[in-house]
Amino acid sequence: MSQITIFSASIGNGHNEASKALKEQFELQGETVTIVDTFHCIHPILHKTFLELYLRMIKKTPRLWGRLYRYSEEYSWFLLLDQLGTFFCARLNSIIDMQRTTVMISTHPFVTAFLAKLKKRKNLSLPLYTVITDLYLHPAYVRPEIDGYFTASPHIDHFAFEHNLPVEQLFCTGIPIKETPDINIPRWKIRNDLKLQPDEKTVLITGGGLGLSKYEEILHSLESIHEKLQILCMTGTNKRVEQKINEYDSKHRIHVIPYTEQFTKYLRASDIVVSKAGGLTMSEALACETPILIYQPVPGHEEDNAQFLMDFGTAVKAESIEEISELLQGILFDEETYKQLVLNAKKLKKPDAAKHIAHVIKQLVRTEQVL
């Protein structure tokens, strides 16, 4: 039996949720699994620094973040992370020893860089697998120390050729998410179970686990829709925005829902989700067959996620706040448009990604042990 350590990072909620979904599936398959909040375990100050820097960039200077992301497609400045990882090799190695780790899995690209540096520096023979929580493959993911890449992108052949990777190291599995509600249960029934109005068109607005969305702007935009809507504002851990929405006066029925373990139930209960384009939220929306309206994705990785979804016809994107109500009305009240978005989601969704990844990794480890 393997001792699997999943290295995550509490920078956004998606990486942790993906790690939990994987842990659950491995344990169902009889494995022993530990999740490590990597930066926090190395040192709380390192975690705080990374989190604050990331949040400050995407809130205050998102275009700078986007430019750095685009620049790194051509120039390997991100390899500086590997050099930074040099300073933490001893601490990471002690974590691995303490956990008696035999398999390493990373769900965050910065963490992957640190683990790749550790593996090279300490000449570790432990397999390292990276689970990519965005929908698009980026050159920054590539490291010779990685034994397997798990992605939602179907373009693995092209990516492997372009970056000189063995194609058998890449697996199009989807992003690991927790179990979603039975797709055969109608939305009105789930709304009823959640004590929502079962017969009203329902819009879910989310900004991920950190509640990073322009909720008030979006709510104001939706005032121009004549039909009464039920609007679910999923505010995550953002207490400040929760309070503001509670004070918002609207002709629509507004429910403010802070961080909840029932997020996918609310997602399945909704007729449409208005969101930036975080990889995990988008994967959950696809699994729930809930049409997606994207607004203000984070420049760089989320813009690529948005383009990926639009290319497959599973999402539309509002370029301005004024477009939101127009696009939303066109989706909610045009049956053909709505049906097409749902049909495309059915084709693209991968609700069993966590199970698939766990199965493949077990097979790879077993093969390696035989060799």
Protein backbone atom coordinates (compact mmCIF):
# COMPACT_ATOMS: atom_id res chain seq x y z
CA MET A 1 0.00 0.00 0.00
CA SER A 2 1.23 3.49 -0.88
CA GLN A 3 1.50 6.42 1.48
CA ILE A 4 0.22 9.30 -0.64
CA THR A 5 0.90 12.91 0.27
CA ILE A 6 -1.10 15.57 -1.60
CA PHE A 7 0.65 18.93 -1.49
CA SER A 8 -1.85 21.77 -1.76
CA ALA A 9 -1.82 25.53 -1.07
CA SER A 10 -4.45 27.78 0.49
CA ILE A 11 -4.12 30.40 -2.24
CA GLY A 12 -7.70 30.43 -3.41
CA ASN A 13 -10.01 27.61 -2.44
CA GLY A 14 -9.84 25.49 -5.58
CA HIS A 15 -6.51 23.78 -4.89
CA ASN A 16 -7.70 22.58 -1.47
CA GLU A 17 -11.05 21.40 -2.84
CA ALA A 18 -9.31 19.44 -5.61
CA SER A 19 -7.02 17.88 -2.98
CA LYS A 20 -9.98 16.86 -0.81
CA ALA A 21 -11.75 15.29 -3.79
CA LEU A 22 -8.62 13.26 -4.61
CA LYS A 23 -8.11 12.21 -1.00
CA GLU A 24 -11.68 10.94 -0.82
CA GLN A 25 -11.25 8.82 -3.95
CA PHE A 26 -7.89 7.37 -2.92
CA GLU A 27 -9.32 6.42 0.47
CA LEU A 28 -12.29 4.73 -1.19
CA GLN A 29 -9.69 2.69 -3.08
CA GLY A 30 -7.98 1.67 0.18
CA GLU A 31 -5.03 4.07 0.17
CA THR A 32 -3.62 6.16 3.02
CA VAL A 33 -3.60 9.87 2.16
CA THR A 34 -2.47 13.07 3.85
CA ILE A 35 -3.07 16.61 2.57
CA VAL A 36 -0.32 19.14 3.32
CA ASP A 37 -0.98 22.89 3.11
CA THR A 38 2.52 23.33 1.73
CA PHE A 39 3.43 26.98 2.22
CA HIS A 40 1.83 27.07 5.64
CA CYS A 41 3.72 23.95 6.71
CA ILE A 42 7.03 25.37 5.48
CA HIS A 43 6.38 28.55 7.45
CA PRO A 44 3.19 30.58 8.19
CA ILE A 45 4.97 33.77 7.06
CA LEU A 46 5.71 32.21 3.65
CA HIS A 47 2.03 31.30 3.30
CA LYS A 48 0.92 34.80 4.34
CA THR A 49 3.38 36.42 1.91
CA PHE A 50 2.28 34.32 -1.09
CA LEU A 51 -1.43 34.81 -0.32
CA GLU A 52 -1.19 38.56 0.22
CA LEU A 53 0.99 39.06 -2.86
CA TYR A 54 -1.43 37.06 -5.05
CA LEU A 55 -4.52 38.83 -3.71
CA ARG A 56 -2.93 42.26 -4.02
CA MET A 57 -1.94 41.59 -7.62
CA ILE A 58 -5.31 40.29 -8.80
CA LYS A 59 -7.21 43.03 -6.95
CA LYS A 60 -4.96 46.06 -7.45
CA THR A 61 -2.86 45.25 -10.54
CA PRO A 62 -4.60 42.38 -12.38
CA ARG A 63 -3.16 43.49 -15.73
CA LEU A 64 0.35 43.12 -14.34
CA TRP A 65 -0.47 39.54 -13.30
CA GLY A 66 -1.81 38.91 -16.80
CA ARG A 67 1.31 40.35 -18.44
CA LEU A 68 3.59 38.19 -16.28
CA TYR A 69 1.52 35.14 -17.22
CA ARG A 70 1.73 35.93 -20.96
CA TYR A 71 5.42 36.76 -20.73
CA SER A 72 6.09 33.37 -19.14
CA GLU A 73 4.67 31.62 -22.21
CA GLU A 74 7.77 32.79 -24.09
CA TYR A 75 10.37 33.28 -21.36
CA SER A 76 11.00 30.94 -18.43
CA TRP A 77 11.11 33.56 -15.66
CA PHE A 78 8.87 31.26 -13.56
CA LEU A 79 11.90 28.99 -13.03
CA LEU A 80 12.85 31.52 -10.33
CA LEU A 81 10.32 29.60 -8.21
CA ASP A 82 12.55 26.54 -8.46
CA GLN A 83 15.45 28.60 -7.15
CA LEU A 84 13.28 29.91 -4.31
CA GLY A 85 12.35 26.31 -3.55
CA THR A 86 16.03 25.59 -2.87
CA PHE A 87 15.70 27.42 0.45
CA PHE A 88 12.90 25.10 1.58
CA CYS A 89 14.20 21.70 0.49
CA ALA A 90 15.21 20.63 4.00
CA ARG A 91 11.77 21.49 5.42
CA LEU A 92 9.94 19.77 2.55
CA ASN A 93 12.15 16.70 2.91
CA SER A 94 11.37 16.49 6.62
CA ILE A 95 7.63 16.64 5.84
CA ILE A 96 8.03 13.77 3.36
CA ASP A 97 10.03 11.73 5.90
CA MET A 98 7.53 12.43 8.66
CA GLN A 99 4.60 11.35 6.44
CA ARG A 100 6.61 8.34 5.17
CA THR A 101 5.57 9.48 1.71
CA THR A 102 5.88 7.06 -1.20
CA VAL A 103 3.86 9.10 -3.75
CA MET A 104 3.82 12.91 -4.11
CA ILE A 105 0.90 14.75 -5.75
CA SER A 106 0.76 18.52 -6.20
CA THR A 107 -2.37 20.58 -6.90
CA HIS A 108 -0.67 24.00 -7.17
CA PRO A 109 1.93 25.05 -9.78
CA PHE A 110 4.11 26.95 -7.26
CA VAL A 111 4.15 23.88 -5.02
CA THR A 112 5.03 21.70 -8.00
CA ALA A 113 8.05 23.93 -8.68
CA PHE A 114 9.24 23.50 -5.08
CA LEU A 115 8.77 19.72 -5.15
CA ALA A 116 10.54 19.39 -8.50
CA LYS A 117 13.51 21.29 -7.05
CA LEU A 118 13.47 19.06 -3.96
CA LYS A 119 13.37 15.90 -6.06
CA LYS A 120 16.32 17.05 -8.15
CA ARG A 121 18.39 18.39 -5.27
CA LYS A 122 17.90 15.36 -2.99
CA ASN A 123 17.93 12.88 -5.88
CA LEU A 124 14.59 11.45 -4.73
CA SER A 125 13.14 8.48 -6.56
CA LEU A 126 9.60 9.18 -5.33
CA PRO A 127 7.09 9.71 -8.16
CA LEU A 128 5.74 13.26 -8.49
CA TYR A 129 2.39 13.88 -10.17
CA THR A 130 0.87 17.28 -10.86
CA VAL A 131 -2.88 17.85 -11.01
CA ILE A 132 -3.57 21.01 -13.01
CA THR A 133 -6.55 22.98 -11.69
CA ASP A 134 -6.94 25.23 -14.73
CA LEU A 135 -8.49 24.19 -18.03
CA TYR A 136 -5.54 25.31 -20.14
CA LEU A 137 -2.03 23.87 -20.39
CA HIS A 138 0.75 26.40 -19.78
CA PRO A 139 4.53 25.90 -20.32
CA ALA A 140 5.15 26.78 -16.65
CA TYR A 141 3.76 23.37 -15.68
CA VAL A 142 6.60 21.50 -17.39
CA ARG A 143 9.37 20.01 -15.23
CA PRO A 144 11.59 16.99 -16.06
CA GLU A 145 11.10 15.73 -12.47
CA ILE A 146 7.34 15.30 -12.99
CA ASP A 147 6.18 11.74 -13.72
CA GLY A 148 2.61 12.52 -14.77
CA TYR A 149 0.40 15.48 -15.68
CA PHE A 150 -3.38 15.39 -15.14
CA THR A 151 -5.34 18.01 -17.05
CA ALA A 152 -8.77 18.98 -18.36
CA SER A 153 -7.29 20.01 -21.70
CA PRO A 154 -7.80 17.59 -24.60
CA HIS A 155 -4.81 19.11 -26.42
CA ILE A 156 -2.24 16.86 -24.77
CA ASP A 157 -0.67 15.54 -27.99
CA HIS A 158 0.13 19.03 -29.25
CA PHE A 159 1.41 20.17 -25.83
CA ALA A 160 3.64 17.09 -25.47
CA PHE A 161 5.13 17.64 -28.94
CA GLU A 162 5.65 21.38 -28.40
CA HIS A 163 7.44 20.91 -25.07
CA ASN A 164 9.27 17.66 -25.81
CA LEU A 165 7.32 15.60 -23.26
CA PRO A 166 6.51 11.88 -23.56
CA VAL A 167 2.81 11.94 -24.45
CA GLU A 168 2.23 8.94 -22.16
CA GLN A 169 2.94 11.26 -19.21
CA LEU A 170 -0.14 13.41 -19.95
CA PHE A 171 -3.69 12.36 -19.05
CA CYS A 172 -6.87 14.18 -20.05
CA THR A 173 -8.89 13.44 -16.90
CA GLY A 174 -10.54 16.73 -16.01
CA ILE A 175 -10.12 18.65 -12.76
CA PRO A 176 -10.93 16.66 -9.60
CA ILE A 177 -14.16 17.82 -7.96
CA LYS A 178 -16.31 16.43 -5.18
CA GLU A 179 -19.41 14.45 -5.97
CA THR A 180 -22.15 16.55 -7.56
CA PRO A 181 -25.95 16.12 -7.20
CA ASP A 182 -27.66 13.53 -9.37
CA ILE A 183 -28.13 15.21 -12.73
CA ASN A 184 -31.52 13.50 -13.15
CA ILE A 185 -33.01 15.37 -10.18
CA PRO A 186 -34.72 18.48 -11.60
CA ARG A 187 -33.51 21.89 -10.52
CA TRP A 188 -36.84 22.83 -8.93
CA LYS A 189 -36.61 19.79 -6.63
CA ILE A 190 -33.12 20.73 -5.41
CA ARG A 191 -34.28 24.33 -4.91
CA ASN A 192 -37.13 23.05 -2.81
CA ASP A 193 -34.76 20.91 -0.71
CA LEU A 194 -32.56 23.98 -0.13
CA LYS A 195 -35.63 25.97 1.01
CA LEU A 196 -35.46 28.24 -2.04
CA GLN A 197 -38.38 29.25 -4.25
CA PRO A 198 -38.74 26.22 -6.54
CA ASP A 199 -40.54 27.98 -9.40
CA GLU A 200 -38.37 31.11 -9.92
CA LYS A 201 -35.56 31.51 -12.44
CA THR A 202 -32.45 31.23 -10.31
CA VAL A 203 -29.11 33.00 -10.89
CA LEU A 204 -26.00 32.13 -8.88
CA ILE A 205 -23.26 34.75 -8.50
CA THR A 206 -19.94 33.53 -7.15
CA GLY A 207 -16.39 34.79 -6.81
CA GLY A 208 -14.80 31.57 -5.61
CA GLY A 209 -13.98 30.67 -2.03
CA LEU A 210 -12.58 34.17 -1.36
CA GLY A 211 -15.70 35.92 -2.64
CA LEU A 212 -13.81 37.92 -5.30
CA SER A 213 -16.59 39.24 -7.51
CA LYS A 214 -18.23 42.60 -8.28
CA TYR A 215 -21.47 41.48 -6.63
CA GLU A 216 -23.05 44.92 -6.29
CA GLU A 217 -22.25 45.88 -9.89
CA ILE A 218 -23.80 42.64 -11.14
CA LEU A 219 -26.88 43.01 -8.94
CA HIS A 220 -27.38 46.56 -10.21
CA SER A 221 -27.12 45.30 -13.79
CA LEU A 222 -29.78 42.65 -13.15
CA GLU A 223 -32.30 45.31 -12.03
CA SER A 224 -33.00 45.95 -15.73
CA ILE A 225 -34.48 42.44 -16.13
CA HIS A 226 -38.25 42.74 -15.77
CA GLU A 227 -38.98 39.15 -14.75
CA LYS A 228 -38.45 38.49 -11.05
CA LEU A 229 -35.32 36.44 -10.40
CA GLN A 230 -34.04 34.49 -7.44
CA ILE A 231 -30.39 35.46 -7.00
CA LEU A 232 -27.96 33.42 -4.90
CA CYS A 233 -24.87 35.38 -3.88
CA MET A 234 -22.21 32.90 -2.82
CA THR A 235 -19.78 35.10 -0.90
CA GLY A 236 -17.29 32.49 0.34
CA THR A 237 -15.28 33.73 3.30
CA ASN A 238 -15.73 37.42 2.37
CA LYS A 239 -17.61 38.87 5.36
CA ARG A 240 -17.35 42.45 4.12
CA VAL A 241 -19.15 41.74 0.85
CA GLU A 242 -21.69 39.55 2.66
CA GLN A 243 -22.69 42.53 4.81
CA LYS A 244 -22.92 44.86 1.80
CA ILE A 245 -25.24 42.54 -0.12
CA ASN A 246 -27.46 42.08 2.94
CA GLU A 247 -28.01 45.84 2.82
CA TYR A 248 -28.73 45.88 -0.92
CA ASP A 249 -32.29 46.78 -1.93
CA SER A 250 -33.54 44.90 -5.00
CA LYS A 251 -36.77 44.02 -6.76
CA HIS A 252 -35.38 40.49 -7.10
CA ARG A 253 -35.25 37.89 -4.33
CA ILE A 254 -31.66 37.81 -3.03
CA HIS A 255 -30.16 35.09 -0.84
CA VAL A 256 -26.71 35.67 0.64
CA ILE A 257 -24.92 32.36 1.20
CA PRO A 258 -21.47 32.40 2.85
CA TYR A 259 -18.96 29.55 2.49
CA THR A 260 -20.77 26.23 2.39
CA GLU A 261 -19.96 22.58 1.76
CA GLN A 262 -23.17 22.42 -0.31
CA PHE A 263 -21.88 24.68 -3.09
CA THR A 264 -22.55 22.15 -5.87
CA LYS A 265 -26.13 21.70 -4.66
CA TYR A 266 -26.70 25.44 -5.04
CA LEU A 267 -24.95 25.28 -8.41
CA ARG A 268 -27.20 22.48 -9.62
CA ALA A 269 -30.24 24.34 -8.23
CA SER A 270 -29.39 27.38 -10.39
CA ASP A 271 -30.37 28.01 -13.99
CA ILE A 272 -27.16 29.93 -14.66
CA VAL A 273 -23.94 30.87 -12.84
CA VAL A 274 -22.30 34.29 -13.16
CA SER A 275 -18.65 33.94 -12.25
CA LYS A 276 -15.06 34.70 -13.05
CA ALA A 277 -13.42 31.61 -14.54
CA GLY A 278 -11.71 29.66 -11.77
CA GLY A 279 -10.93 26.14 -12.99
CA LEU A 280 -12.65 24.27 -10.16
CA THR A 281 -15.85 26.35 -10.23
CA MET A 282 -16.05 25.98 -14.00
CA SER A 283 -15.59 22.19 -13.74
CA GLU A 284 -18.31 22.00 -11.09
CA ALA A 285 -20.66 24.06 -13.27
CA LEU A 286 -20.05 21.74 -16.22
CA ALA A 287 -20.70 18.68 -14.03
CA CYS A 288 -23.96 20.25 -12.85
CA GLU A 289 -24.86 21.16 -16.46
CA THR A 290 -25.40 24.76 -15.36
CA PRO A 291 -24.83 27.34 -18.13
CA ILE A 292 -21.98 29.78 -17.43
CA LEU A 293 -21.82 33.55 -17.85
CA ILE A 294 -18.25 34.74 -17.31
CA TYR A 295 -17.49 38.24 -16.09
CA GLN A 296 -14.08 39.73 -15.29
CA PRO A 297 -11.91 36.60 -15.22
CA VAL A 298 -8.49 37.15 -13.66
CA PRO A 299 -6.12 38.13 -16.52
CA GLY A 300 -3.91 35.25 -17.57
CA HIS A 301 -4.97 31.81 -16.37
CA GLU A 302 -8.69 32.59 -15.94
CA GLU A 303 -8.86 34.35 -19.30
CA ASP A 304 -7.51 31.14 -20.83
CA ASN A 305 -10.12 29.13 -18.91
CA ALA A 306 -12.81 31.44 -20.28
CA GLN A 307 -11.57 31.07 -23.85
CA PHE A 308 -11.43 27.29 -23.46
CA LEU A 309 -15.09 27.19 -22.38
CA MET A 310 -16.24 29.58 -25.09
CA ASP A 311 -14.42 27.53 -27.74
CA PHE A 312 -16.44 24.50 -26.64
CA GLY A 313 -19.71 26.46 -26.49
CA THR A 314 -20.31 25.91 -22.77
CA ALA A 315 -20.05 29.55 -21.67
CA VAL A 316 -20.58 33.13 -22.81
CA LYS A 317 -18.56 36.11 -21.64
CA ALA A 318 -19.73 39.62 -20.77
CA GLU A 319 -17.11 42.17 -21.83
CA SER A 320 -18.79 44.93 -19.82
CA ILE A 321 -21.18 45.23 -16.90
CA GLU A 322 -23.88 46.47 -19.31
CA GLU A 323 -23.73 43.20 -21.25
CA ILE A 324 -24.53 41.01 -18.25
CA SER A 325 -28.29 41.57 -18.13
CA GLU A 326 -28.63 41.32 -21.92
CA LEU A 327 -26.68 38.05 -22.15
CA LEU A 328 -28.32 36.57 -19.08
CA GLN A 329 -31.80 37.36 -20.37
CA GLY A 330 -30.90 35.83 -23.74
CA ILE A 331 -29.82 32.59 -22.05
CA LEU A 332 -32.56 32.27 -19.43
CA PHE A 333 -35.50 33.10 -21.68
CA ASP A 334 -34.38 31.63 -25.01
CA GLU A 335 -35.01 27.91 -24.80
CA GLU A 336 -32.82 26.95 -27.77
CA THR A 337 -29.81 28.92 -26.50
CA TYR A 338 -30.22 27.43 -23.05
CA LYS A 339 -30.54 23.86 -24.34
CA GLN A 340 -27.42 24.23 -26.50
CA LEU A 341 -25.30 25.40 -23.55
CA VAL A 342 -26.52 22.45 -21.48
CA LEU A 343 -25.87 20.00 -24.34
CA ASN A 344 -22.32 21.30 -24.77
CA ALA A 345 -21.69 20.99 -21.03
CA LYS A 346 -22.83 17.36 -21.18
CA LYS A 347 -20.17 16.69 -23.83
CA LEU A 348 -17.34 18.43 -21.98
CA LYS A 349 -18.00 17.61 -18.32
CA LYS A 350 -15.83 15.14 -16.40
CA PRO A 351 -17.56 14.60 -13.04
CA ASP A 352 -15.50 11.47 -12.28
CA ALA A 353 -12.10 13.15 -12.71
CA ALA A 354 -11.00 12.46 -9.12
CA LYS A 355 -11.80 8.76 -9.44
CA HIS A 356 -10.04 8.60 -12.82
CA ILE A 357 -6.89 10.33 -11.52
CA ALA A 358 -6.71 8.07 -8.45
CA HIS A 359 -7.07 4.98 -10.63
CA VAL A 360 -4.38 6.08 -13.11
CA ILE A 361 -1.88 7.02 -10.40
CA LYS A 362 -2.36 3.66 -8.69
CA GLN A 363 -1.72 1.93 -12.02
CA LEU A 364 1.41 4.02 -12.67
CA VAL A 365 2.80 3.33 -9.20
CA ARG A 366 2.07 -0.38 -9.54
CA THR A 367 3.84 -0.47 -12.94
CA GLU A 368 6.86 1.35 -11.52
CA GLN A 369 7.07 -1.08 -8.59
CA VAL A 370 7.06 -4.05 -10.98
CA LEU A 371 9.88 -2.47 -13.01
